[in-house]
Structures are given as C-alpha cells and as structure tokens.
Amino acid sequence: MEALDVKIMGREFKIACKPEERAALQQAVNIVETRMSTIRDTGKVVGLDKIAVMAALQIAHESLVGSNPSNPVLGLDIETIERKIKTIEQIADAGLEDQSGKPKIADLFG
C-alpha cells in the first residue's frame, strides 16, 4: 500500500491504495471533486458533510442505474461496484473525520 495525496474541495487528504489502483483512485477523486463542486455551486446544499453525502449518493446511484435503465450495473460485476462505493465512502469519511463529532458515511446509512 502507498499513500495518495489528494485535494477535494480545497482540503488535502492522504488515501491508502495499492499502486495498481492509483490511477483509478485519482479518477474517482476527480469525479468526486467535480460532483461536490457542482452541488456546492447550486447553493441548495450547505456544509461539506452534506455535500459529500449528496455527491456519494448521486455517484452511487448513477453507478447502479447508469444512463441506460435496461443495463442497471453498466456491465460491472457486484465486486467492482462495491469497491467503487467503498472508495467513495473512504473519500467522504476522510472529509467527515476532519469535523469532530460528525458521523461517518457508514454510520449515516448503516
């Protein structure tokens, strides 16, 4: 495992990943950053924790249903989907951990 330094919404995070997963994780970070910025810019959701949860839910939903309802998992196996959701949760949890006393994503939905 190695540490990947990333920046999301102006905040820096270290995320552990396998070397062969580095590029995919960086792509995930870019997706999360873009989605969170889009949500923030609408002005409808306030607070980093709420923005992170909304972004995670939107991305997970899109991963499950995709743009084609007849292909709900976009040809991905369940392990790939679970791994992608776990990555999203890790990124969101890292943001929530910076705010003392705030629950983690798993606590909110589990």
C-alpha atoms as a PDB file:
ATOM      1  CA  MET A   1       0.000   0.000   0.000  1.00  0.00           C
ATOM      2  CA  GLU A   2       1.049   3.535  -0.641  1.00  0.00           C
ATOM      3  CA  ALA A   3      -0.405   6.894   0.275  1.00  0.00           C
ATOM      4  CA  LEU A   4      -2.004   9.042  -2.384  1.00  0.00           C
ATOM      5  CA  ASP A   5      -2.222  12.744  -1.567  1.00  0.00           C
ATOM      6  CA  VAL A   6      -5.399  14.253  -2.995  1.00  0.00           C
ATOM      7  CA  LYS A   7      -7.231  17.534  -2.740  1.00  0.00           C
ATOM      8  CA  ILE A   8     -11.020  17.721  -2.653  1.00  0.00           C
ATOM      9  CA  MET A   9     -12.901  20.976  -2.181  1.00  0.00           C
ATOM     10  CA  GLY A  10      -9.672  22.687  -1.132  1.00  0.00           C
ATOM     11  CA  ARG A  11      -8.888  20.116   1.553  1.00  0.00           C
ATOM     12  CA  GLU A  12      -5.977  17.712   1.420  1.00  0.00           C
ATOM     13  CA  PHE A  13      -6.322  14.009   2.198  1.00  0.00           C
ATOM     14  CA  LYS A  14      -3.999  11.016   2.281  1.00  0.00           C
ATOM     15  CA  ILE A  15      -5.651   7.864   0.986  1.00  0.00           C
ATOM     16  CA  ALA A  16      -4.058   4.426   1.148  1.00  0.00           C
ATOM     17  CA  CYS A  17      -4.174   2.488  -2.102  1.00  0.00           C
ATOM     18  CA  LYS A  18      -2.403  -0.251  -3.989  1.00  0.00           C
ATOM     19  CA  PRO A  19      -0.014   1.030  -6.669  1.00  0.00           C
ATOM     20  CA  GLU A  20      -2.080  -0.592  -9.428  1.00  0.00           C
ATOM     21  CA  GLU A  21      -5.226   1.200  -8.182  1.00  0.00           C
ATOM     22  CA  ARG A  22      -3.639   4.650  -8.084  1.00  0.00           C
ATOM     23  CA  ALA A  23      -4.868   5.844 -11.499  1.00  0.00           C
ATOM     24  CA  ALA A  24      -8.428   4.636 -10.890  1.00  0.00           C
ATOM     25  CA  LEU A  25      -8.482   6.228  -7.448  1.00  0.00           C
ATOM     26  CA  GLN A  26      -7.283   9.526  -8.918  1.00  0.00           C
ATOM     27  CA  GLN A  27     -10.123   9.320 -11.440  1.00  0.00           C
ATOM     28  CA  ALA A  28     -12.548   8.707  -8.563  1.00  0.00           C
ATOM     29  CA  VAL A  29     -11.157  11.748  -6.760  1.00  0.00           C
ATOM     30  CA  ASN A  30     -11.685  13.849  -9.897  1.00  0.00           C
ATOM     31  CA  ILE A  31     -15.278  12.630 -10.195  1.00  0.00           C
ATOM     32  CA  VAL A  32     -15.978  13.369  -6.525  1.00  0.00           C
ATOM     33  CA  GLU A  33     -14.325  16.800  -6.720  1.00  0.00           C
ATOM     34  CA  THR A  34     -16.349  17.717  -9.797  1.00  0.00           C
ATOM     35  CA  ARG A  35     -19.615  16.455  -8.352  1.00  0.00           C
ATOM     36  CA  MET A  36     -19.093  18.134  -4.974  1.00  0.00           C
ATOM     37  CA  SER A  37     -18.205  21.428  -6.668  1.00  0.00           C
ATOM     38  CA  THR A  38     -21.313  21.210  -8.833  1.00  0.00           C
ATOM     39  CA  ILE A  39     -23.520  20.555  -5.791  1.00  0.00           C
ATOM     40  CA  ARG A  40     -21.871  23.375  -3.835  1.00  0.00           C
ATOM     41  CA  ASP A  41     -22.273  25.798  -6.728  1.00  0.00           C
ATOM     42  CA  THR A  42     -26.038  25.240  -6.868  1.00  0.00           C
ATOM     43  CA  GLY A  43     -26.263  26.762  -3.402  1.00  0.00           C
ATOM     44  CA  LYS A  44     -29.013  24.315  -2.439  1.00  0.00           C
ATOM     45  CA  VAL A  45     -26.824  22.200  -0.140  1.00  0.00           C
ATOM     46  CA  VAL A  46     -24.753  23.838   2.585  1.00  0.00           C
ATOM     47  CA  GLY A  47     -21.944  22.222   4.549  1.00  0.00           C
ATOM     48  CA  LEU A  48     -19.145  19.969   3.375  1.00  0.00           C
ATOM     49  CA  ASP A  49     -20.573  16.893   5.088  1.00  0.00           C
ATOM     50  CA  LYS A  50     -23.956  17.271   3.384  1.00  0.00           C
ATOM     51  CA  ILE A  51     -22.332  17.996   0.034  1.00  0.00           C
ATOM     52  CA  ALA A  52     -20.162  14.862   0.412  1.00  0.00           C
ATOM     53  CA  VAL A  53     -23.166  12.684   1.241  1.00  0.00           C
ATOM     54  CA  MET A  54     -25.183  14.048  -1.690  1.00  0.00           C
ATOM     55  CA  ALA A  55     -22.260  13.523  -4.078  1.00  0.00           C
ATOM     56  CA  ALA A  56     -21.723   9.966  -2.820  1.00  0.00           C
ATOM     57  CA  LEU A  57     -25.406   9.147  -3.239  1.00  0.00           C
ATOM     58  CA  GLN A  58     -25.576  10.628  -6.728  1.00  0.00           C
ATOM     59  CA  ILE A  59     -22.443   8.822  -7.905  1.00  0.00           C
ATOM     60  CA  ALA A  60     -23.526   5.508  -6.366  1.00  0.00           C
ATOM     61  CA  HIS A  61     -26.977   5.832  -7.915  1.00  0.00           C
ATOM     62  CA  GLU A  62     -25.504   6.559 -11.335  1.00  0.00           C
ATOM     63  CA  SER A  63     -23.169   3.582 -10.971  1.00  0.00           C
ATOM     64  CA  LEU A  64     -26.122   1.328 -10.261  1.00  0.00           C
ATOM     65  CA  VAL A  65     -28.619   2.570 -12.852  1.00  0.00           C
ATOM     66  CA  GLY A  66     -26.412   4.320 -15.388  1.00  0.00           C
ATOM     67  CA  SER A  67     -27.849   6.243 -18.275  1.00  0.00           C
ATOM     68  CA  ASN A  68     -29.488   3.099 -19.664  1.00  0.00           C
ATOM     69  CA  PRO A  69     -32.139   1.638 -17.324  1.00  0.00           C
ATOM     70  CA  SER A  70     -32.052  -1.685 -19.179  1.00  0.00           C
ATOM     71  CA  ASN A  71     -28.413  -2.116 -18.097  1.00  0.00           C
ATOM     72  CA  PRO A  72     -28.566  -1.368 -14.360  1.00  0.00           C
ATOM     73  CA  VAL A  73     -24.953  -2.146 -13.496  1.00  0.00           C
ATOM     74  CA  LEU A  74     -23.292  -0.940 -16.690  1.00  0.00           C
ATOM     75  CA  GLY A  75     -21.741  -4.344 -17.199  1.00  0.00           C
ATOM     76  CA  LEU A  76     -19.830  -4.172 -13.909  1.00  0.00           C
ATOM     77  CA  ASP A  77     -19.790  -7.086 -11.520  1.00  0.00           C
ATOM     78  CA  ILE A  78     -21.012  -6.536  -7.962  1.00  0.00           C
ATOM     79  CA  GLU A  79     -17.454  -6.632  -6.561  1.00  0.00           C
ATOM     80  CA  THR A  80     -16.431  -3.742  -8.806  1.00  0.00           C
ATOM     81  CA  ILE A  81     -19.474  -1.737  -7.769  1.00  0.00           C
ATOM     82  CA  GLU A  82     -18.842  -2.463  -4.083  1.00  0.00           C
ATOM     83  CA  ARG A  83     -15.187  -1.425  -4.477  1.00  0.00           C
ATOM     84  CA  LYS A  84     -16.215   1.840  -6.144  1.00  0.00           C
ATOM     85  CA  ILE A  85     -18.760   2.567  -3.411  1.00  0.00           C
ATOM     86  CA  LYS A  86     -16.145   1.803  -0.746  1.00  0.00           C
ATOM     87  CA  THR A  87     -13.745   4.257  -2.401  1.00  0.00           C
ATOM     88  CA  ILE A  88     -16.444   6.931  -2.396  1.00  0.00           C
ATOM     89  CA  GLU A  89     -17.181   6.197   1.273  1.00  0.00           C
ATOM     90  CA  GLN A  90     -13.473   6.460   2.157  1.00  0.00           C
ATOM     91  CA  ILE A  91     -13.185   9.836   0.471  1.00  0.00           C
ATOM     92  CA  ALA A  92     -16.365  11.108   2.118  1.00  0.00           C
ATOM     93  CA  ASP A  93     -15.334   9.691   5.516  1.00  0.00           C
ATOM     94  CA  ALA A  94     -11.968  11.412   5.248  1.00  0.00           C
ATOM     95  CA  GLY A  95     -13.796  14.706   4.835  1.00  0.00           C
ATOM     96  CA  LEU A  96     -16.143  13.983   7.714  1.00  0.00           C
ATOM     97  CA  GLU A  97     -13.323  12.916  10.052  1.00  0.00           C
ATOM     98  CA  ASP A  98     -11.957  16.446   9.896  1.00  0.00           C
ATOM     99  CA  GLN A  99     -15.093  17.685  11.619  1.00  0.00           C
ATOM    100  CA  SER A 100     -15.050  16.439  15.192  1.00  0.00           C
ATOM    101  CA  GLY A 101     -18.201  14.767  16.355  1.00  0.00           C
ATOM    102  CA  LYS A 102     -19.641  14.244  12.877  1.00  0.00           C
ATOM    103  CA  PRO A 103     -20.776  10.731  11.886  1.00  0.00           C
ATOM    104  CA  LYS A 104     -19.119   8.768   9.123  1.00  0.00           C
ATOM    105  CA  ILE A 105     -20.985   7.737   5.974  1.00  0.00           C
ATOM    106  CA  ALA A 106     -21.434   4.151   7.196  1.00  0.00           C
ATOM    107  CA  ASP A 107     -22.986   5.480  10.414  1.00  0.00           C
ATOM    108  CA  LEU A 108     -25.474   7.551   8.436  1.00  0.00           C
ATOM    109  CA  PHE A 109     -26.722   4.619   6.357  1.00  0.00           C
ATOM    110  CA  GLY A 110     -25.969   1.586   8.400  1.00  0.00           C
END
